[in-house]
Every structure is written in C-alpha cells, then in structure tokens.
Amino acid sequence: MDTPQTNTDIAADAHYPHGIIQAVTAHDVPDVVIDPGQEHSRRLVTKRRQGSQSLSFHITTYTANYESSVSGDGLYEVVMYCISGSTRVVVHDGRVLDVLPGTALYLPTEFSYTHTVGPDGLVMAVACNPPKE
C-alpha cells in the first residue's frame, strides 16, 4: 500500500476544477493563536488550502476556566460542536446554555454572549461560512 499523501496546499487543477478529495490532520496545519494561553485553533479545511468555497472547518481548544465575551461580526455564520469538556454560555437575552460533549451550538452572523469554560477545558469542532483562513 502506498504512503498516504497529506494535502496541505492543494486546491483545484485543470483535471479537477472543483477540488479533490483530501485528508488532513491537526498535525498537518499550523496552530492559530486566538487568545494567547487561552484559545487556539487548527484550521483544517480552508479556501486557500483546499479551495473550499463555502465553509472552513477548525478544531478550537480552550483552557480550563477561560472566560470570554464573544460577538458576531455580521459576516460569519458558525456551527460549533462540543467534542470534549464543557462551557456555560450566557446569551445577551439572558438565556443560559450548558454546552457538553455532543452539543451543537449555532451562531448566526450577529450575536453576543459570554462563556465560561469548565474545569476540564473545551474542544470544539467549528464550521464557518464563509470560510476563515
């Protein structure tokens, strides 16, 4: 069996104008620091790397007990899926959402919330439209 190819900078070519099927791991991509020492992301699928026109896919990790306020920028629609850990989200309208493994969190383009990560940290799978780099 041939050694699997990791495709970190291949998008489309003349034979496959819509892109090619690719496999990528978190170890194949750089770590993007969002908040030093608190939040970082591995952007596995992006427009630049794979040529994705409609979404990007990331694994974002938060440290234990991290607190943050987050607001939508009017551009990105996001779905986050909790892989491990937990966070408590307090939405601007007062609703409280406990995010645990197996929970999907939908964020429209405009939103506001605060969240406090639980004692075991938090790992989220994140899909963004349009794609983030």
Protein backbone atom coordinates (compact mmCIF):
# COMPACT_ATOMS: atom_id res chain seq x y z
CA MET A 1 0.00 0.00 0.00
CA ASP A 2 1.30 3.47 -0.88
CA THR A 3 2.12 6.01 1.80
CA PRO A 4 -0.88 8.33 2.25
CA GLN A 5 -0.39 11.81 0.87
CA THR A 6 -1.13 14.76 3.11
CA ASN A 7 -2.56 17.57 1.06
CA THR A 8 -1.84 20.81 2.83
CA ASP A 9 -1.70 23.24 -0.10
CA ILE A 10 -3.56 21.61 -2.99
CA ALA A 11 -6.86 23.00 -4.22
CA ALA A 12 -8.18 22.57 -7.76
CA ASP A 13 -6.41 22.00 -11.05
CA ALA A 14 -7.45 21.59 -14.69
CA HIS A 15 -8.45 17.94 -14.16
CA TYR A 16 -10.45 18.64 -11.01
CA PRO A 17 -11.76 22.22 -11.26
CA HIS A 18 -13.95 21.80 -8.17
CA GLY A 19 -11.11 20.46 -6.00
CA ILE A 20 -10.04 16.99 -4.98
CA ILE A 21 -10.87 14.76 -2.05
CA GLN A 22 -8.26 15.36 0.65
CA ALA A 23 -7.41 14.14 4.12
CA VAL A 24 -5.76 16.42 6.66
CA THR A 25 -4.95 16.06 10.34
CA ALA A 26 -4.45 18.68 13.03
CA HIS A 27 -0.72 17.94 12.86
CA ASP A 28 -0.65 18.99 9.18
CA VAL A 29 -1.71 22.60 9.84
CA PRO A 30 -0.32 25.44 11.95
CA ASP A 31 -1.79 26.35 15.31
CA VAL A 32 -3.61 29.71 15.11
CA VAL A 33 -3.48 31.54 18.45
CA ILE A 34 -6.71 33.44 19.09
CA ASP A 35 -6.11 34.44 22.73
CA PRO A 36 -2.55 33.62 23.91
CA GLY A 37 -2.51 30.87 26.50
CA GLN A 38 -6.31 30.54 26.44
CA GLU A 39 -7.71 29.78 22.97
CA HIS A 40 -6.16 28.35 19.81
CA SER A 41 -7.42 26.75 16.63
CA ARG A 42 -6.27 24.29 13.96
CA ARG A 43 -7.90 25.30 10.66
CA LEU A 44 -8.05 22.01 8.82
CA VAL A 45 -10.16 22.99 5.82
CA THR A 46 -9.88 26.48 4.29
CA LYS A 47 -10.33 28.20 0.96
CA ARG A 48 -6.58 28.66 0.50
CA ARG A 49 -5.58 25.13 1.49
CA GLN A 50 -8.31 23.03 -0.14
CA GLY A 51 -10.18 25.57 -2.26
CA SER A 52 -13.35 25.35 -0.15
CA GLN A 53 -15.76 27.98 -1.40
CA SER A 54 -18.48 27.67 1.23
CA LEU A 55 -17.00 26.75 4.59
CA SER A 56 -13.96 26.24 6.74
CA PHE A 57 -13.55 23.58 9.41
CA HIS A 58 -11.48 24.01 12.57
CA ILE A 59 -10.74 22.32 15.87
CA THR A 60 -10.63 25.01 18.55
CA THR A 61 -9.27 24.37 22.05
CA TYR A 62 -9.90 26.47 25.18
CA THR A 63 -8.09 26.20 28.52
CA ALA A 64 -9.91 25.35 31.74
CA ASN A 65 -11.93 28.15 33.37
CA TYR A 66 -11.36 30.56 30.47
CA GLU A 67 -13.92 33.38 30.35
CA SER A 68 -14.66 35.41 27.26
CA SER A 69 -17.23 37.71 25.64
CA VAL A 70 -17.95 36.97 22.00
CA SER A 71 -19.87 38.95 19.37
CA GLY A 72 -20.74 38.14 15.78
CA ASP A 73 -19.22 40.38 13.14
CA GLY A 74 -22.16 40.27 10.73
CA LEU A 75 -20.21 38.10 8.28
CA TYR A 76 -19.61 34.57 9.61
CA GLU A 77 -22.32 32.02 10.29
CA VAL A 78 -20.89 29.35 12.61
CA VAL A 79 -21.76 25.90 13.91
CA MET A 80 -19.73 24.65 16.88
CA TYR A 81 -19.84 21.05 18.12
CA CYS A 82 -18.50 20.11 21.55
CA ILE A 83 -16.06 17.21 21.33
CA SER A 84 -14.89 17.29 24.95
CA GLY A 85 -15.06 19.46 28.04
CA SER A 86 -17.80 21.99 28.70
CA THR A 87 -18.72 25.64 28.69
CA ARG A 88 -21.60 27.73 30.02
CA VAL A 89 -22.91 30.26 27.51
CA VAL A 90 -24.91 33.27 28.69
CA VAL A 91 -26.65 34.81 25.68
CA HIS A 92 -27.26 38.59 25.54
CA ASP A 93 -31.01 37.96 26.06
CA GLY A 94 -30.33 36.19 29.39
CA ARG A 95 -30.66 32.57 28.27
CA VAL A 96 -28.11 30.15 29.72
CA LEU A 97 -26.89 27.26 27.58
CA ASP A 98 -24.76 24.48 29.02
CA VAL A 99 -22.60 23.06 26.22
CA LEU A 100 -21.42 19.49 26.86
CA PRO A 101 -19.95 16.78 24.60
CA GLY A 102 -22.41 16.07 21.80
CA THR A 103 -23.94 19.57 21.87
CA ALA A 104 -24.09 21.67 18.69
CA LEU A 105 -24.20 25.46 19.05
CA TYR A 106 -25.46 27.53 16.12
CA LEU A 107 -24.25 31.15 15.88
CA PRO A 108 -25.97 33.44 13.36
CA THR A 109 -23.97 36.25 11.77
CA GLU A 110 -24.93 38.69 14.53
CA PHE A 111 -24.93 37.56 18.18
CA SER A 112 -23.48 38.31 21.57
CA TYR A 113 -22.68 36.06 24.51
CA THR A 114 -20.23 35.36 27.29
CA HIS A 115 -18.95 31.92 28.11
CA THR A 116 -17.04 30.27 30.91
CA VAL A 117 -15.17 27.08 30.11
CA GLY A 118 -15.43 24.25 32.62
CA PRO A 119 -12.61 22.79 34.73
CA ASP A 120 -11.61 20.23 32.07
CA GLY A 121 -11.15 22.75 29.24
CA LEU A 122 -13.09 22.61 25.98
CA VAL A 123 -12.52 21.23 22.49
CA MET A 124 -14.95 22.31 19.75
CA ALA A 125 -15.29 21.34 16.09
CA VAL A 126 -16.15 24.54 14.22
CA ALA A 127 -17.59 25.12 10.74
CA CYS A 128 -17.68 28.70 9.38
CA ASN A 129 -19.42 30.15 6.35
CA PRO A 130 -17.83 31.93 4.53
CA PRO A 131 -14.53 30.14 5.10
CA LYS A 132 -11.98 31.59 7.51
CA GLU A 133 -8.27 31.26 6.85
